[in-house]
Amino acid sequence: MFKAVWKGWSVGVTVLFTPLLILIALFSPQVPSNIWIAIPLVPVIACLQGIMVGGLVCLGLKIWPITQASS
């Protein structure tokens, strides 16, 4: 479960925020000077966030396990 959550979060955040930061850097009237450093760091930050989110999901499943509903 951890691997699926980690991978999904990392890819999702990277795909969402990398083009967004590139568009901001290209079309903003006053571009922050460090934005070109931040763009390559998006995948690294997303992976670290994915580790935290995956850990929280696994902790939540450990505390409150999924049970099948009886029919």
Protein backbone atom coordinates (compact mmCIF):
# COMPACT_ATOMS: atom_id res chain seq x y z
CA MET A 1 0.00 0.00 0.00
CA PHE A 2 2.84 2.38 0.86
CA LYS A 3 4.45 2.04 -2.57
CA ALA A 4 1.22 2.79 -4.42
CA VAL A 5 0.46 5.88 -2.33
CA TRP A 6 4.06 7.14 -2.50
CA LYS A 7 4.30 6.70 -6.25
CA GLY A 8 0.88 8.21 -6.95
CA TRP A 9 1.51 11.26 -4.78
CA SER A 10 4.99 11.87 -6.19
CA VAL A 11 3.95 11.58 -9.82
CA GLY A 12 0.75 13.57 -9.31
CA VAL A 13 2.42 16.49 -7.57
CA THR A 14 5.29 16.55 -10.06
CA VAL A 15 2.99 16.48 -13.09
CA LEU A 16 0.80 19.21 -11.61
CA PHE A 17 3.35 21.66 -10.24
CA THR A 18 6.29 21.45 -12.67
CA PRO A 19 4.40 22.91 -15.66
CA LEU A 20 2.71 25.41 -13.36
CA LEU A 21 6.04 26.74 -12.10
CA ILE A 22 7.41 26.86 -15.66
CA LEU A 23 4.41 28.89 -16.81
CA ILE A 24 4.80 31.25 -13.85
CA ALA A 25 8.50 31.66 -14.63
CA LEU A 26 7.87 32.39 -18.29
CA PHE A 27 4.85 34.67 -18.13
CA SER A 28 5.00 36.45 -14.79
CA PRO A 29 5.89 40.15 -14.96
CA GLN A 30 8.13 39.94 -11.89
CA VAL A 31 9.70 36.50 -11.71
CA PRO A 32 11.31 35.53 -8.40
CA SER A 33 15.02 34.99 -8.97
CA ASN A 34 15.09 31.52 -7.38
CA ILE A 35 12.27 30.01 -9.43
CA TRP A 36 14.71 28.35 -11.84
CA ILE A 37 16.25 26.58 -8.84
CA ALA A 38 12.82 25.56 -7.54
CA ILE A 39 11.66 23.89 -10.77
CA PRO A 40 14.15 20.96 -10.65
CA LEU A 41 13.45 20.58 -6.92
CA VAL A 42 9.74 19.88 -7.46
CA PRO A 43 10.25 16.09 -7.93
CA VAL A 44 12.49 15.90 -4.85
CA ILE A 45 9.97 17.76 -2.70
CA ALA A 46 7.13 15.65 -4.13
CA CYS A 47 8.97 12.43 -3.26
CA LEU A 48 9.54 13.58 0.31
CA GLN A 49 5.89 14.54 0.62
CA GLY A 50 4.92 11.16 -0.86
CA ILE A 51 6.93 9.38 1.81
CA MET A 52 5.14 11.32 4.54
CA VAL A 53 1.69 10.81 3.03
CA GLY A 54 2.33 7.11 2.39
CA GLY A 55 3.46 6.68 5.97
CA LEU A 56 0.36 8.44 7.28
CA VAL A 57 -1.91 6.28 5.13
CA CYS A 58 -0.21 3.09 6.34
CA LEU A 59 -0.40 4.31 9.94
CA GLY A 60 -4.09 5.04 9.50
CA LEU A 61 -4.67 1.57 8.05
CA LYS A 62 -2.78 0.05 10.96
CA ILE A 63 -4.91 1.94 13.49
CA TRP A 64 -8.20 1.53 11.65
CA PRO A 65 -7.95 -1.51 9.32
CA ILE A 66 -10.21 -1.96 6.33
CA THR A 67 -12.96 -4.48 7.02
CA GLN A 68 -15.32 -6.09 4.57
CA ALA A 69 -18.95 -5.16 4.92
CA SER A 70 -21.19 -8.12 5.63
CA SER A 71 -24.05 -8.56 3.21
